[in-house]
């Protein structure tokens, strides 16, 4: 059964997408926004999520951020119609990667085109496994011909070892994604995908990459590390976000000045019964895409939880951000920045402008294992 979601991106007004299957959902977002499916990153309630987990709660607002990784899209022409394939970092990939991705997409769409019974042709020329994808333009059409040329996709067995010493045995195809391993771990152990980190040969593995991109072979051993969760066009006034200020942390700061990774909003608590009454407080919102006109008006005081009515500034910690806005004069404004672990990045207080639209996309800085 389809479930409707409202999707918010940096460059688009909220739009509705019905969720039935993961790949279809990502493809619909791609068609609407131009963000290729392999470059989409999903957020709910200030937390990064995996597409498989999108239906795990009743929240129907999803933020989508463009990771802006190099990627290309190809259309495989089959007797059943065109099959769309997106490949991340295609400049470094070959036809073998495209064949493997096509095999996975056929499984998702219940199409029967065995790898060892078909081959790819472009401009009437056969494409061998080692042919570089960099030689095939973005959005090219590649023909699927019923002529055996490629070896079959083989099954491999891997071991995942946890910090407690437990070993998990998993069987997959060699063209599986790292995300497929996490999905199997979730099925076997009940560990949510967003709490898993996988490491192989000293490297943390990225969900959207294939096993063979990390040279993971039969009998390879991976290590599982758990991530612990941490705690029309009316104008509105908000900081213009141009004059950055770096604030050092203090061991003596009050509880209402605690920051968490991501974006936070700064305002004055007006609740006379609150311990932070008439004090400047910091209300954390986390990660994702934020419509500031909406978000700034619903942030709670961290102490009494009463809504702050005067949040006109924001700050960042351990995050990278981009913003897109249209001011009251109809002029587009954009910007971006990074906040590191040793300070809190905010903006000159009172440096406000009138906005028609202001959206901020916030991602956590990459962790180093």
Protein backbone atom coordinates (compact mmCIF):
# COMPACT_ATOMS: atom_id res chain seq x y z
CA UNK A 1 0.00 0.00 0.00
CA UNK A 2 1.34 3.41 -0.95
CA UNK A 3 2.10 5.87 1.84
CA UNK A 4 2.35 9.62 1.09
CA UNK A 5 5.36 11.65 2.24
CA UNK A 6 6.20 15.31 1.96
CA UNK A 7 9.76 15.81 0.73
CA UNK A 8 11.82 18.92 1.46
CA UNK A 9 15.07 19.73 -0.36
CA UNK A 10 17.31 22.78 -0.41
CA UNK A 11 16.15 24.02 -3.81
CA UNK A 12 12.50 22.88 -3.91
CA UNK A 13 9.30 23.72 -2.12
CA UNK A 14 7.82 20.71 -0.25
CA UNK A 15 6.23 18.19 -2.60
CA UNK A 16 4.42 14.90 -2.10
CA UNK A 17 5.81 11.50 -3.09
CA UNK A 18 3.99 8.22 -2.54
CA UNK A 19 6.17 5.45 -1.11
CA UNK A 20 5.63 1.90 -2.33
CA UNK A 21 9.13 0.60 -3.05
CA UNK A 22 12.46 2.12 -2.09
CA UNK A 23 13.86 2.38 -5.62
CA UNK A 24 10.65 3.90 -6.98
CA UNK A 25 10.62 6.48 -4.18
CA UNK A 26 14.20 7.54 -4.93
CA UNK A 27 13.49 7.65 -8.66
CA UNK A 28 10.45 9.91 -8.17
CA UNK A 29 12.55 12.30 -6.09
CA UNK A 30 15.21 12.22 -8.80
CA UNK A 31 12.63 13.10 -11.45
CA UNK A 32 11.30 16.01 -9.40
CA UNK A 33 14.59 17.47 -8.14
CA UNK A 34 17.33 16.23 -10.45
CA UNK A 35 19.18 14.73 -7.47
CA UNK A 36 20.38 11.31 -8.67
CA UNK A 37 19.25 8.45 -6.45
CA UNK A 38 22.83 7.48 -5.52
CA UNK A 39 23.40 11.03 -4.29
CA UNK A 40 20.28 11.28 -2.11
CA UNK A 41 20.66 11.39 1.67
CA UNK A 42 17.53 11.14 3.83
CA UNK A 43 16.62 12.80 7.13
CA UNK A 44 13.73 12.66 9.58
CA UNK A 45 13.29 14.63 12.80
CA UNK A 46 16.88 15.84 12.72
CA UNK A 47 18.41 12.39 12.17
CA UNK A 48 19.94 10.77 9.12
CA UNK A 49 18.03 7.63 8.12
CA UNK A 50 18.32 4.88 5.55
CA UNK A 51 15.69 4.57 2.87
CA UNK A 52 14.75 1.13 4.21
CA UNK A 53 13.75 2.72 7.53
CA UNK A 54 11.56 5.47 6.13
CA UNK A 55 8.28 3.74 7.05
CA UNK A 56 9.33 2.85 10.61
CA UNK A 57 7.37 5.72 12.18
CA UNK A 58 4.39 7.98 11.51
CA UNK A 59 6.42 11.06 10.56
CA UNK A 60 5.63 11.96 6.96
CA UNK A 61 8.14 14.79 6.38
CA UNK A 62 11.43 13.69 4.82
CA UNK A 63 14.42 15.93 4.17
CA UNK A 64 16.62 15.02 1.20
CA UNK A 65 20.15 16.38 0.82
CA UNK A 66 22.26 16.13 -2.32
CA UNK A 67 25.61 14.58 -1.34
CA UNK A 68 26.99 16.07 -4.57
CA UNK A 69 29.14 13.08 -5.39
CA UNK A 70 30.21 12.54 -9.01
CA UNK A 71 27.61 10.28 -10.60
CA UNK A 72 26.15 9.31 -13.97
CA UNK A 73 22.85 7.86 -15.14
CA UNK A 74 22.42 5.25 -17.85
CA UNK A 75 19.37 3.71 -19.49
CA UNK A 76 19.54 0.02 -20.37
CA UNK A 77 17.22 -0.76 -23.27
CA UNK A 78 15.61 -4.18 -22.71
CA UNK A 79 12.66 -6.02 -24.30
CA UNK A 80 10.63 -4.91 -21.25
CA UNK A 81 11.53 -1.24 -21.63
CA UNK A 82 14.30 0.97 -20.33
CA UNK A 83 15.91 0.26 -16.95
CA UNK A 84 17.46 3.29 -15.29
CA UNK A 85 20.82 2.81 -13.53
CA UNK A 86 22.71 5.44 -11.52
CA UNK A 87 26.40 4.90 -10.77
CA UNK A 88 28.32 6.91 -8.17
CA UNK A 89 31.88 7.97 -9.03
CA UNK A 90 31.40 6.64 -12.55
CA UNK A 91 34.69 8.14 -13.71
CA UNK A 92 36.42 5.40 -11.71
CA UNK A 93 34.11 2.55 -12.75
CA UNK A 94 33.85 0.09 -15.63
CA UNK A 95 31.12 -1.81 -17.45
CA UNK A 96 31.46 -4.52 -14.81
CA UNK A 97 30.03 -2.11 -12.22
CA UNK A 98 27.16 -1.24 -14.56
CA UNK A 99 26.41 -4.93 -15.20
CA UNK A 100 26.34 -5.66 -11.47
CA UNK A 101 24.05 -2.69 -10.78
CA UNK A 102 21.76 -3.77 -13.62
CA UNK A 103 21.59 -7.27 -12.13
CA UNK A 104 20.49 -5.82 -8.77
CA UNK A 105 17.91 -3.54 -10.37
CA UNK A 106 16.46 -6.50 -12.28
CA UNK A 107 16.04 -8.33 -8.97
CA UNK A 108 14.24 -5.30 -7.52
CA UNK A 109 11.91 -5.05 -10.52
CA UNK A 110 11.38 -8.82 -10.91
CA UNK A 111 12.97 -8.82 -14.36
CA UNK A 112 14.68 -11.96 -15.63
CA UNK A 113 17.85 -11.02 -17.50
CA UNK A 114 20.64 -13.29 -16.19
CA UNK A 115 24.05 -11.65 -16.42
CA UNK A 116 25.63 -14.66 -18.14
CA UNK A 117 23.00 -14.72 -20.92
CA UNK A 118 23.15 -11.08 -22.05
CA UNK A 119 25.67 -8.41 -22.97
CA UNK A 120 25.77 -4.61 -23.33
CA UNK A 121 26.23 -2.72 -26.58
CA UNK A 122 26.71 1.01 -27.12
CA UNK A 123 26.67 2.52 -30.61
CA UNK A 124 26.57 -1.04 -31.99
CA UNK A 125 29.82 -1.93 -30.23
CA UNK A 126 30.19 -4.63 -27.57
CA UNK A 127 31.19 -3.34 -24.12
CA UNK A 128 33.66 -5.64 -22.33
CA UNK A 129 33.89 -5.77 -18.53
CA UNK A 130 36.94 -3.49 -18.40
CA UNK A 131 35.48 -0.78 -20.64
CA UNK A 132 35.59 2.54 -18.68
CA UNK A 133 32.26 4.20 -17.96
CA UNK A 134 33.99 7.55 -18.36
CA UNK A 135 33.83 6.92 -22.12
CA UNK A 136 30.03 6.74 -22.08
CA UNK A 137 28.19 10.07 -21.65
CA UNK A 138 25.67 10.74 -18.90
CA UNK A 139 22.11 9.70 -19.82
CA UNK A 140 23.28 7.42 -22.64
CA UNK A 141 21.13 4.51 -23.82
CA UNK A 142 22.86 1.12 -23.74
CA UNK A 143 21.33 -1.85 -25.53
CA UNK A 144 20.89 -5.23 -23.86
CA UNK A 145 21.55 -8.02 -26.36
CA UNK A 146 20.65 -11.67 -25.82
CA UNK A 147 24.18 -12.88 -26.37
CA UNK A 148 26.31 -14.50 -23.62
CA UNK A 149 29.53 -12.62 -22.89
CA UNK A 150 29.85 -12.02 -19.16
CA UNK A 151 30.51 -14.56 -16.39
CA UNK A 152 27.68 -15.32 -13.93
CA UNK A 153 27.40 -13.36 -10.68
CA UNK A 154 28.67 -15.60 -7.90
CA UNK A 155 27.61 -15.94 -4.28
CA UNK A 156 30.09 -15.21 -1.51
CA UNK A 157 30.13 -15.83 2.23
CA UNK A 158 31.44 -13.25 4.67
CA UNK A 159 31.86 -13.09 8.43
CA UNK A 160 30.92 -10.03 10.47
CA UNK A 161 32.61 -9.81 13.87
CA UNK A 162 31.20 -7.62 16.66
CA UNK A 163 33.13 -5.94 19.48
CA UNK A 164 31.79 -8.60 21.85
CA UNK A 165 33.47 -11.31 19.78
CA UNK A 166 30.29 -12.68 18.24
CA UNK A 167 30.54 -13.78 14.59
CA UNK A 168 27.66 -13.35 12.13
CA UNK A 169 27.67 -15.40 8.91
CA UNK A 170 26.13 -13.74 5.86
CA UNK A 171 25.76 -14.95 2.26
CA UNK A 172 25.37 -12.44 -0.58
CA UNK A 173 26.13 -11.98 -4.25
CA UNK A 174 29.43 -10.38 -5.20
CA UNK A 175 27.56 -7.39 -6.63
CA UNK A 176 25.73 -6.63 -3.37
CA UNK A 177 25.90 -3.26 -1.66
CA UNK A 178 27.39 -2.63 1.76
CA UNK A 179 23.85 -1.61 2.71
CA UNK A 180 22.71 -5.17 1.91
CA UNK A 181 25.05 -6.48 4.62
CA UNK A 182 23.56 -4.07 7.15
CA UNK A 183 20.07 -5.14 6.11
CA UNK A 184 20.96 -8.79 6.77
CA UNK A 185 22.44 -7.87 10.16
CA UNK A 186 19.21 -6.06 11.03
CA UNK A 187 17.20 -9.17 10.08
CA UNK A 188 19.45 -11.54 12.04
CA UNK A 189 20.31 -9.42 15.09
CA UNK A 190 17.64 -6.73 15.24
CA UNK A 191 20.24 -3.94 15.08
CA UNK A 192 18.88 -0.84 13.29
CA UNK A 193 20.80 0.01 10.14
CA UNK A 194 21.49 3.57 11.27
CA UNK A 195 23.31 2.25 14.34
CA UNK A 196 25.72 0.07 12.35
CA UNK A 197 29.21 0.91 11.11
CA UNK A 198 31.11 -1.69 9.12
CA UNK A 199 34.89 -1.71 8.83
CA UNK A 200 37.09 -3.73 6.48
CA UNK A 201 40.87 -3.45 6.07
CA UNK A 202 40.85 -0.40 8.35
CA UNK A 203 38.28 1.51 6.29
CA UNK A 204 34.74 2.44 7.23
CA UNK A 205 32.43 1.15 4.49
CA UNK A 206 29.93 3.40 2.70
CA UNK A 207 26.39 2.08 2.27
CA UNK A 208 26.00 2.77 -1.44
CA UNK A 209 29.21 1.07 -2.55
CA UNK A 210 29.53 -2.47 -3.92
CA UNK A 211 31.46 -5.22 -2.13
CA UNK A 212 33.96 -5.49 -4.96
CA UNK A 213 34.80 -1.80 -4.66
CA UNK A 214 36.42 -2.67 -1.32
CA UNK A 215 37.82 -5.97 -2.64
CA UNK A 216 35.53 -7.90 -0.27
CA UNK A 217 35.66 -11.51 -1.41
CA UNK A 218 34.51 -14.93 -0.32
CA UNK A 219 35.49 -15.61 3.33
CA UNK A 220 36.32 -11.94 4.01
CA UNK A 221 35.93 -10.75 7.60
CA UNK A 222 34.27 -7.44 8.46
CA UNK A 223 33.97 -5.69 11.80
CA UNK A 224 30.74 -4.22 13.16
CA UNK A 225 30.85 -1.11 15.33
CA UNK A 226 27.68 0.33 16.83
CA UNK A 227 26.78 3.99 16.53
CA UNK A 228 25.21 5.29 19.74
CA UNK A 229 22.42 7.80 19.28
CA UNK A 230 22.77 11.16 20.93
CA UNK A 231 20.55 12.88 22.86
CA UNK A 232 3.01 32.49 0.51
CA UNK A 233 5.51 34.44 0.50
CA UNK A 234 5.14 36.27 3.79
CA UNK A 235 8.43 37.67 4.98
CA UNK A 236 10.01 36.80 8.29
CA UNK A 237 13.03 38.06 10.15
CA UNK A 238 16.10 35.86 10.60
CA UNK A 239 19.85 36.24 10.60
CA UNK A 240 21.41 36.85 7.17
CA UNK A 241 24.05 34.17 7.94
CA UNK A 242 26.98 36.07 6.47
CA UNK A 243 29.08 37.12 9.47
CA UNK A 244 30.32 33.98 11.21
CA UNK A 245 31.37 33.89 14.84
CA UNK A 246 33.32 31.03 16.42
CA UNK A 247 32.53 30.49 20.10
CA UNK A 248 34.76 28.41 22.34
CA UNK A 249 33.21 25.89 24.70
CA UNK A 250 33.08 26.42 28.45
CA UNK A 251 32.95 23.85 31.22
CA UNK A 252 30.85 26.31 33.25
CA UNK A 253 28.10 26.90 30.69
CA UNK A 254 24.54 26.32 31.99
CA UNK A 255 22.52 23.34 30.86
CA UNK A 256 20.39 25.43 28.51
CA UNK A 257 23.53 26.29 26.50
CA UNK A 258 24.39 22.68 25.57
CA UNK A 259 24.94 21.98 21.87
CA UNK A 260 24.64 18.75 19.89
CA UNK A 261 25.88 17.85 16.38
CA UNK A 262 23.90 19.61 13.67
CA UNK A 263 21.96 22.87 13.67
CA UNK A 264 20.57 24.62 16.73
CA UNK A 265 18.46 27.72 17.20
CA UNK A 266 19.13 30.57 19.61
CA UNK A 267 16.38 32.45 21.41
CA UNK A 268 15.22 33.89 24.73
CA UNK A 269 12.98 31.84 27.02
CA UNK A 270 9.95 33.93 28.01
CA UNK A 271 8.47 31.48 30.51
CA UNK A 272 8.64 33.16 33.93
CA UNK A 273 8.48 29.77 35.65
CA UNK A 274 11.49 28.41 33.77
CA UNK A 275 14.97 28.29 35.29
CA UNK A 276 16.22 29.81 32.04
CA UNK A 277 13.69 32.67 32.04
CA UNK A 278 14.93 35.73 30.16
CA UNK A 279 18.15 33.88 29.29
CA UNK A 280 19.54 33.08 25.87
CA UNK A 281 19.02 29.37 25.28
CA UNK A 282 20.15 26.94 22.58
CA UNK A 283 17.57 24.55 21.14
CA UNK A 284 19.06 21.67 19.13
CA UNK A 285 17.36 20.45 15.94
CA UNK A 286 19.90 17.96 14.55
CA UNK A 287 20.46 17.15 10.88
CA UNK A 288 18.42 17.36 7.72
CA UNK A 289 16.72 20.03 5.62
CA UNK A 290 15.01 22.83 7.53
CA UNK A 291 12.44 25.38 6.38
CA UNK A 292 13.50 28.17 8.72
CA UNK A 293 10.22 30.09 8.71
CA UNK A 294 8.52 26.95 10.02
CA UNK A 295 11.34 25.52 12.11
CA UNK A 296 12.36 28.63 14.03
CA UNK A 297 8.78 29.08 15.21
CA UNK A 298 8.50 25.63 16.76
CA UNK A 299 11.77 25.20 18.65
CA UNK A 300 11.33 24.48 22.38
CA UNK A 301 13.28 25.82 25.30
CA UNK A 302 15.58 22.95 26.35
CA UNK A 303 14.51 23.37 29.99
CA UNK A 304 10.76 24.02 30.10
CA UNK A 305 9.89 22.92 26.52
CA UNK A 306 7.84 26.06 25.90
CA UNK A 307 8.12 27.23 22.30
CA UNK A 308 10.62 30.01 21.67
CA UNK A 309 8.88 32.84 19.85
CA UNK A 310 12.01 34.84 19.11
CA UNK A 311 14.56 32.43 17.60
CA UNK A 312 16.21 34.57 14.93
CA UNK A 313 19.67 33.07 14.86
CA UNK A 314 21.20 29.62 14.55
CA UNK A 315 24.49 27.83 15.07
CA UNK A 316 26.27 24.65 14.07
CA UNK A 317 28.44 22.02 15.72
CA UNK A 318 30.25 19.11 14.01
CA UNK A 319 28.32 19.73 10.82
CA UNK A 320 28.55 21.08 7.30
CA UNK A 321 25.73 23.18 5.93
CA UNK A 322 24.38 24.97 2.89
CA UNK A 323 21.59 27.49 2.72
CA UNK A 324 19.35 28.79 -0.02
CA UNK A 325 17.19 31.85 0.49
CA UNK A 326 15.20 34.57 -1.20
CA UNK A 327 15.13 37.88 0.64
CA UNK A 328 12.29 40.39 0.73
CA UNK A 329 13.64 42.05 -2.42
CA UNK A 330 13.44 38.78 -4.35
CA UNK A 331 17.21 38.35 -4.44
CA UNK A 332 18.54 34.80 -4.09
CA UNK A 333 21.18 34.24 -1.43
CA UNK A 334 23.26 31.12 -0.90
CA UNK A 335 26.08 30.11 1.40
CA UNK A 336 27.80 27.20 3.07
CA UNK A 337 30.22 26.36 5.84
CA UNK A 338 31.71 23.85 8.26
CA UNK A 339 31.71 23.63 12.05
CA UNK A 340 34.34 21.54 13.80
CA UNK A 341 34.62 19.83 17.16
CA UNK A 342 36.52 22.58 18.94
CA UNK A 343 34.02 25.42 18.61
CA UNK A 344 30.42 26.43 18.01
CA UNK A 345 29.79 28.38 14.81
CA UNK A 346 27.05 30.99 14.88
CA UNK A 347 26.44 34.42 13.34
CA UNK A 348 26.58 38.05 14.44
CA UNK A 349 23.56 38.60 16.67
CA UNK A 350 21.05 41.14 15.39
CA UNK A 351 22.38 40.92 11.83
CA UNK A 352 18.89 40.15 10.55
CA UNK A 353 17.20 40.50 7.17
CA UNK A 354 13.68 39.90 5.93
CA UNK A 355 13.33 36.58 4.14
CA UNK A 356 10.64 35.20 1.87
CA UNK A 357 12.30 31.78 1.81
CA UNK A 358 15.19 30.34 3.79
CA UNK A 359 16.13 26.66 3.79
CA UNK A 360 19.21 25.12 5.37
CA UNK A 361 20.59 21.64 4.61
CA UNK A 362 22.74 20.21 7.40
CA UNK A 363 24.92 17.09 7.31
CA UNK A 364 27.13 15.71 10.05
CA UNK A 365 30.82 15.87 9.32
CA UNK A 366 32.30 12.53 8.30
CA UNK A 367 33.55 10.44 11.19
CA UNK A 368 37.04 8.96 11.09
CA UNK A 369 37.33 5.44 12.44
